[in-house]
PDB file of N, CA and C in Angstrom:
ATOM      1  N   MET A   1      42.820   1.753 -11.151  1.00  0.00           N
ATOM      2  CA  MET A   1      41.940   1.283 -11.937  1.00  0.00           C
ATOM      3  C   MET A   1      40.911   2.287 -11.775  1.00  0.00           C
ATOM      4  N   GLY A   2      39.516   3.153 -12.329  1.00  0.00           N
ATOM      5  CA  GLY A   2      38.592   3.387 -12.216  1.00  0.00           C
ATOM      6  C   GLY A   2      37.669   2.841 -12.009  1.00  0.00           C
ATOM      7  N   GLY A   3      36.774   3.551 -11.004  1.00  0.00           N
ATOM      8  CA  GLY A   3      35.760   3.047 -10.652  1.00  0.00           C
ATOM      9  C   GLY A   3      34.394   3.602 -10.934  1.00  0.00           C
ATOM     10  N   PHE A   4      33.247   2.632 -10.922  1.00  0.00           N
ATOM     11  CA  PHE A   4      32.039   3.003 -11.201  1.00  0.00           C
ATOM     12  C   PHE A   4      31.288   4.287 -10.385  1.00  0.00           C
ATOM     13  N   GLN A   5      30.273   4.907 -11.078  1.00  0.00           N
ATOM     14  CA  GLN A   5      29.431   5.528  -9.568  1.00  0.00           C
ATOM     15  C   GLN A   5      28.346   5.032  -9.866  1.00  0.00           C
ATOM     16  N   VAL A   6      27.717   5.065  -8.708  1.00  0.00           N
ATOM     17  CA  VAL A   6      26.522   4.441  -8.398  1.00  0.00           C
ATOM     18  C   VAL A   6      25.886   5.337  -7.752  1.00  0.00           C
ATOM     19  N   ALA A   7      24.063   5.600  -8.007  1.00  0.00           N
ATOM     20  CA  ALA A   7      23.189   6.405  -7.544  1.00  0.00           C
ATOM     21  C   ALA A   7      22.307   5.558  -7.061  1.00  0.00           C
ATOM     22  N   ILE A   8      21.402   6.116  -5.597  1.00  0.00           N
ATOM     23  CA  ILE A   8      20.685   5.234  -5.172  1.00  0.00           C
ATOM     24  C   ILE A   8      19.756   6.351  -4.606  1.00  0.00           C
ATOM     25  N   VAL A   9      18.139   6.021  -5.257  1.00  0.00           N
ATOM     26  CA  VAL A   9      17.388   7.412  -5.059  1.00  0.00           C
ATOM     27  C   VAL A   9      15.932   6.596  -5.138  1.00  0.00           C
ATOM     28  N   ARG A  10      14.903   7.453  -4.054  1.00  0.00           N
ATOM     29  CA  ARG A  10      13.601   6.999  -3.361  1.00  0.00           C
ATOM     30  C   ARG A  10      12.898   7.200  -4.880  1.00  0.00           C
ATOM     31  N   VAL A  11      12.070   6.329  -5.155  1.00  0.00           N
ATOM     32  CA  VAL A  11      10.880   6.577  -5.711  1.00  0.00           C
ATOM     33  C   VAL A  11       9.860   7.139  -4.849  1.00  0.00           C
ATOM     34  N   GLU A  12       9.861   8.356  -5.168  1.00  0.00           N
ATOM     35  CA  GLU A  12       8.430   9.170  -4.576  1.00  0.00           C
ATOM     36  C   GLU A  12       6.743   9.165  -5.251  1.00  0.00           C
ATOM     37  N   HIS A  13       5.709   8.635  -4.271  1.00  0.00           N
ATOM     38  CA  HIS A  13       4.377   8.342  -5.250  1.00  0.00           C
ATOM     39  C   HIS A  13       4.781   7.766  -6.381  1.00  0.00           C
ATOM     40  N   GLY A  14       5.751   6.667  -6.327  1.00  0.00           N
ATOM     41  CA  GLY A  14       5.310   6.111  -7.793  1.00  0.00           C
ATOM     42  C   GLY A  14       5.524   6.748  -9.134  1.00  0.00           C
ATOM     43  N   ASP A  15       6.707   7.771  -8.522  1.00  0.00           N
ATOM     44  CA  ASP A  15       7.053   8.390 -10.095  1.00  0.00           C
ATOM     45  C   ASP A  15       8.550   7.945 -10.439  1.00  0.00           C
ATOM     46  N   VAL A  16       8.187   6.575 -10.789  1.00  0.00           N
ATOM     47  CA  VAL A  16       9.537   6.020 -11.033  1.00  0.00           C
ATOM     48  C   VAL A  16      10.179   6.790 -12.400  1.00  0.00           C
ATOM     49  N   PHE A  17       9.842   7.857 -13.461  1.00  0.00           N
ATOM     50  CA  PHE A  17      10.566   8.389 -14.417  1.00  0.00           C
ATOM     51  C   PHE A  17      11.371   9.448 -13.424  1.00  0.00           C
ATOM     52  N   SER A  18      10.587  10.227 -12.777  1.00  0.00           N
ATOM     53  CA  SER A  18      11.544  11.619 -11.845  1.00  0.00           C
ATOM     54  C   SER A  18      12.391  10.604 -11.139  1.00  0.00           C
ATOM     55  N   ALA A  19      12.613   9.591 -10.358  1.00  0.00           N
ATOM     56  CA  ALA A  19      13.699   8.827  -9.760  1.00  0.00           C
ATOM     57  C   ALA A  19      14.689   8.104 -10.786  1.00  0.00           C
ATOM     58  N   ILE A  20      14.415   7.774 -11.824  1.00  0.00           N
ATOM     59  CA  ILE A  20      15.678   7.615 -12.781  1.00  0.00           C
ATOM     60  C   ILE A  20      16.060   9.090 -13.611  1.00  0.00           C
ATOM     61  N   ARG A  21      15.696   9.667 -13.732  1.00  0.00           N
ATOM     62  CA  ARG A  21      15.949  10.831 -14.238  1.00  0.00           C
ATOM     63  C   ARG A  21      16.787  11.139 -13.219  1.00  0.00           C
ATOM     64  N   ARG A  22      16.713  11.553 -11.892  1.00  0.00           N
ATOM     65  CA  ARG A  22      17.655  11.703 -11.017  1.00  0.00           C
ATOM     66  C   ARG A  22      18.389  11.062 -10.621  1.00  0.00           C
ATOM     67  N   ALA A  23      18.446   9.878 -10.658  1.00  0.00           N
ATOM     68  CA  ALA A  23      19.418   9.071 -10.559  1.00  0.00           C
ATOM     69  C   ALA A  23      20.575   9.401 -11.968  1.00  0.00           C
ATOM     70  N   LEU A  24      20.386   9.463 -13.121  1.00  0.00           N
ATOM     71  CA  LEU A  24      20.963   9.283 -14.016  1.00  0.00           C
ATOM     72  C   LEU A  24      21.759  11.053 -14.016  1.00  0.00           C
ATOM     73  N   ASP A  25      21.002  12.225 -13.516  1.00  0.00           N
ATOM     74  CA  ASP A  25      21.956  13.251 -13.401  1.00  0.00           C
ATOM     75  C   ASP A  25      22.416  13.051 -12.284  1.00  0.00           C
ATOM     76  N   LEU A  26      22.296  12.263 -11.040  1.00  0.00           N
ATOM     77  CA  LEU A  26      23.864  12.289  -9.642  1.00  0.00           C
ATOM     78  C   LEU A  26      24.712  11.708 -10.569  1.00  0.00           C
ATOM     79  N   VAL A  27      25.209  10.709 -11.814  1.00  0.00           N
ATOM     80  CA  VAL A  27      25.910  10.459 -12.044  1.00  0.00           C
ATOM     81  C   VAL A  27      26.045  10.832 -13.259  1.00  0.00           C
ATOM     82  N   GLY A  28      25.955  11.841 -13.672  1.00  0.00           N
ATOM     83  CA  GLY A  28      26.882  12.855 -14.586  1.00  0.00           C
ATOM     84  C   GLY A  28      25.664  12.922 -16.024  1.00  0.00           C
ATOM     85  N   GLY A  29      24.497  12.269 -15.926  1.00  0.00           N
ATOM     86  CA  GLY A  29      23.565  12.209 -17.353  1.00  0.00           C
ATOM     87  C   GLY A  29      23.529  11.388 -18.062  1.00  0.00           C
ATOM     88  N   LEU A  30      22.853  11.322 -19.045  1.00  0.00           N
ATOM     89  CA  LEU A  30      22.669   9.671 -20.234  1.00  0.00           C
ATOM     90  C   LEU A  30      22.990  10.789 -21.397  1.00  0.00           C
ATOM     91  N   GLN A  31      24.427  10.409 -21.777  1.00  0.00           N
ATOM     92  CA  GLN A  31      24.904  11.148 -23.095  1.00  0.00           C
ATOM     93  C   GLN A  31      24.921  10.529 -24.398  1.00  0.00           C
ATOM     94  N   VAL A  32      23.478  10.775 -25.147  1.00  0.00           N
ATOM     95  CA  VAL A  32      22.932   9.986 -25.893  1.00  0.00           C
ATOM     96  C   VAL A  32      23.221  11.483 -26.961  1.00  0.00           C
ATOM     97  N   SER A  33      23.988  11.211 -28.338  1.00  0.00           N
ATOM     98  CA  SER A  33      23.891  11.773 -29.168  1.00  0.00           C
ATOM     99  C   SER A  33      23.135  11.177 -30.481  1.00  0.00           C
ATOM    100  N   ASP A  34      22.470  12.328 -31.194  1.00  0.00           N
ATOM    101  CA  ASP A  34      21.674  12.046 -32.649  1.00  0.00           C
ATOM    102  C   ASP A  34      22.799  11.074 -33.324  1.00  0.00           C
ATOM    103  N   GLY A  35      22.117   9.867 -33.669  1.00  0.00           N
ATOM    104  CA  GLY A  35      22.554   9.131 -34.463  1.00  0.00           C
ATOM    105  C   GLY A  35      23.400   7.762 -33.513  1.00  0.00           C
ATOM    106  N   ASP A  36      23.396   8.100 -32.585  1.00  0.00           N
ATOM    107  CA  ASP A  36      24.126   7.079 -31.268  1.00  0.00           C
ATOM    108  C   ASP A  36      23.066   5.742 -31.466  1.00  0.00           C
ATOM    109  N   LEU A  37      23.907   4.524 -31.515  1.00  0.00           N
ATOM    110  CA  LEU A  37      22.888   3.377 -31.275  1.00  0.00           C
ATOM    111  C   LEU A  37      23.011   2.877 -29.379  1.00  0.00           C
ATOM    112  N   LEU A  38      21.817   3.126 -29.223  1.00  0.00           N
ATOM    113  CA  LEU A  38      21.603   2.550 -27.797  1.00  0.00           C
ATOM    114  C   LEU A  38      20.821   1.272 -27.238  1.00  0.00           C
ATOM    115  N   LEU A  39      21.494   0.278 -26.678  1.00  0.00           N
ATOM    116  CA  LEU A  39      21.015  -0.897 -26.199  1.00  0.00           C
ATOM    117  C   LEU A  39      19.897  -0.774 -24.327  1.00  0.00           C
ATOM    118  N   ILE A  40      19.462  -0.920 -24.708  1.00  0.00           N
ATOM    119  CA  ILE A  40      18.731  -1.201 -23.432  1.00  0.00           C
ATOM    120  C   ILE A  40      18.362  -2.422 -23.398  1.00  0.00           C
ATOM    121  N   LYS A  41      18.919  -3.003 -22.080  1.00  0.00           N
ATOM    122  CA  LYS A  41      18.603  -4.562 -22.191  1.00  0.00           C
ATOM    123  C   LYS A  41      18.075  -4.806 -20.823  1.00  0.00           C
ATOM    124  N   PRO A  42      16.788  -5.264 -20.863  1.00  0.00           N
ATOM    125  CA  PRO A  42      16.185  -5.353 -19.430  1.00  0.00           C
ATOM    126  C   PRO A  42      15.954  -6.936 -19.310  1.00  0.00           C
ATOM    127  N   ASN A  43      16.133  -7.335 -17.996  1.00  0.00           N
ATOM    128  CA  ASN A  43      16.143  -8.596 -17.306  1.00  0.00           C
ATOM    129  C   ASN A  43      14.881  -9.265 -17.793  1.00  0.00           C
ATOM    130  N   MET A  44      14.716 -10.161 -18.489  1.00  0.00           N
ATOM    131  CA  MET A  44      13.279 -10.948 -18.596  1.00  0.00           C
ATOM    132  C   MET A  44      13.953 -12.634 -18.511  1.00  0.00           C
ATOM    133  N   LEU A  45      14.270 -12.643 -17.138  1.00  0.00           N
ATOM    134  CA  LEU A  45      14.567 -13.914 -17.229  1.00  0.00           C
ATOM    135  C   LEU A  45      13.317 -15.079 -17.382  1.00  0.00           C
ATOM    136  N   ASN A  46      11.976 -14.843 -16.852  1.00  0.00           N
ATOM    137  CA  ASN A  46      10.878 -16.105 -16.981  1.00  0.00           C
ATOM    138  C   ASN A  46       9.846 -15.049 -16.607  1.00  0.00           C
ATOM    139  N   ALA A  47       8.632 -15.345 -16.570  1.00  0.00           N
ATOM    140  CA  ALA A  47       7.322 -14.729 -16.411  1.00  0.00           C
ATOM    141  C   ALA A  47       7.027 -14.784 -14.775  1.00  0.00           C
ATOM    142  N   ARG A  48       8.239 -13.769 -13.977  1.00  0.00           N
ATOM    143  CA  ARG A  48       8.150 -13.620 -12.631  1.00  0.00           C
ATOM    144  C   ARG A  48       7.307 -12.070 -12.937  1.00  0.00           C
ATOM    145  N   SER A  49       6.867 -11.503 -11.562  1.00  0.00           N
ATOM    146  CA  SER A  49       7.018 -10.112 -11.530  1.00  0.00           C
ATOM    147  C   SER A  49       8.138  -9.343 -11.233  1.00  0.00           C
ATOM    148  N   ALA A  50       8.060  -7.792 -11.513  1.00  0.00           N
ATOM    149  CA  ALA A  50       9.133  -7.005 -11.523  1.00  0.00           C
ATOM    150  C   ALA A  50       9.215  -7.038  -9.678  1.00  0.00           C
ATOM    151  N   PHE A  51       8.353  -7.065  -9.288  1.00  0.00           N
ATOM    152  CA  PHE A  51       8.318  -6.698  -7.799  1.00  0.00           C
ATOM    153  C   PHE A  51       9.238  -7.741  -7.106  1.00  0.00           C
ATOM    154  N   GLU A  52       9.522  -9.353  -7.826  1.00  0.00           N
ATOM    155  CA  GLU A  52      10.025 -10.277  -7.149  1.00  0.00           C
ATOM    156  C   GLU A  52      11.859 -10.455  -7.247  1.00  0.00           C
ATOM    157  N   GLY A  53      12.018  -9.113  -7.943  1.00  0.00           N
ATOM    158  CA  GLY A  53      13.304  -8.977  -8.231  1.00  0.00           C
ATOM    159  C   GLY A  53      14.072  -9.353  -9.402  1.00  0.00           C
ATOM    160  N   VAL A  54      13.067 -10.736 -10.098  1.00  0.00           N
ATOM    161  CA  VAL A  54      13.813 -11.278 -10.785  1.00  0.00           C
ATOM    162  C   VAL A  54      13.885 -10.909 -12.588  1.00  0.00           C
ATOM    163  N   THR A  55      13.011  -9.653 -12.972  1.00  0.00           N
ATOM    164  CA  THR A  55      12.614  -9.642 -14.172  1.00  0.00           C
ATOM    165  C   THR A  55      12.825  -7.882 -13.855  1.00  0.00           C
ATOM    166  N   SER A  56      13.741  -7.077 -14.647  1.00  0.00           N
ATOM    167  CA  SER A  56      13.000  -5.394 -14.502  1.00  0.00           C
ATOM    168  C   SER A  56      12.005  -5.346 -14.601  1.00  0.00           C
ATOM    169  N   ASP A  57      11.667  -4.057 -14.038  1.00  0.00           N
ATOM    170  CA  ASP A  57      10.230  -3.363 -14.148  1.00  0.00           C
ATOM    171  C   ASP A  57      10.037  -2.594 -15.392  1.00  0.00           C
ATOM    172  N   PRO A  58       9.098  -2.731 -16.178  1.00  0.00           N
ATOM    173  CA  PRO A  58       8.900  -2.431 -17.400  1.00  0.00           C
ATOM    174  C   PRO A  58       8.870  -0.516 -17.277  1.00  0.00           C
ATOM    175  N   ARG A  59       8.924  -0.230 -16.349  1.00  0.00           N
ATOM    176  CA  ARG A  59       8.410   1.417 -16.020  1.00  0.00           C
ATOM    177  C   ARG A  59       9.782   1.772 -15.704  1.00  0.00           C
ATOM    178  N   ILE A  60      10.817   0.943 -15.438  1.00  0.00           N
ATOM    179  CA  ILE A  60      12.361   1.734 -15.662  1.00  0.00           C
ATOM    180  C   ILE A  60      12.621   1.549 -17.107  1.00  0.00           C
ATOM    181  N   VAL A  61      12.393   0.515 -17.707  1.00  0.00           N
ATOM    182  CA  VAL A  61      12.799   0.644 -19.203  1.00  0.00           C
ATOM    183  C   VAL A  61      11.979   1.439 -19.882  1.00  0.00           C
ATOM    184  N   ALA A  62      10.549   1.912 -19.737  1.00  0.00           N
ATOM    185  CA  ALA A  62      10.089   2.822 -20.460  1.00  0.00           C
ATOM    186  C   ALA A  62      10.563   4.728 -20.213  1.00  0.00           C
ATOM    187  N   SER A  63      11.111   4.495 -18.949  1.00  0.00           N
ATOM    188  CA  SER A  63      11.851   5.919 -18.357  1.00  0.00           C
ATOM    189  C   SER A  63      13.162   5.899 -19.374  1.00  0.00           C
ATOM    190  N   LEU A  64      13.779   4.716 -19.395  1.00  0.00           N
ATOM    191  CA  LEU A  64      15.172   5.146 -19.974  1.00  0.00           C
ATOM    192  C   LEU A  64      14.984   5.082 -21.566  1.00  0.00           C
ATOM    193  N   VAL A  65      13.938   4.866 -21.988  1.00  0.00           N
ATOM    194  CA  VAL A  65      13.698   4.728 -23.495  1.00  0.00           C
ATOM    195  C   VAL A  65      13.498   6.040 -23.620  1.00  0.00           C
ATOM    196  N   LYS A  66      12.688   6.667 -22.857  1.00  0.00           N
ATOM    197  CA  LYS A  66      12.065   8.349 -23.121  1.00  0.00           C
ATOM    198  C   LYS A  66      12.981   8.873 -22.980  1.00  0.00           C
ATOM    199  N   LEU A  67      13.997   9.033 -21.645  1.00  0.00           N
ATOM    200  CA  LEU A  67      15.031   9.747 -21.410  1.00  0.00           C
ATOM    201  C   LEU A  67      16.429   9.848 -22.550  1.00  0.00           C
ATOM    202  N   ALA A  68      16.122   8.554 -23.444  1.00  0.00           N
ATOM    203  CA  ALA A  68      16.959   8.503 -24.693  1.00  0.00           C
ATOM    204  C   ALA A  68      16.856   9.227 -25.815  1.00  0.00           C
ATOM    205  N   ARG A  69      15.769   9.402 -25.647  1.00  0.00           N
ATOM    206  CA  ARG A  69      15.141   9.948 -26.842  1.00  0.00           C
ATOM    207  C   ARG A  69      15.438  11.703 -27.143  1.00  0.00           C
TER     208      ARG A  69
END
């Protein structure tokens, strides 16, 4: 059975976008073609801060949307 690739990167100077781009590059990139349907599902469990690890950080979601375009 095949495994999954995982990348762990450090966010430098609050630059979440660059960290997400680097992580995706390390695992082979984000393969999205014109006409593809892509679902980005943030974890929105409740009204707690993303810094508590309960919900997705909106900067990560925004970075993924930008990179998928």
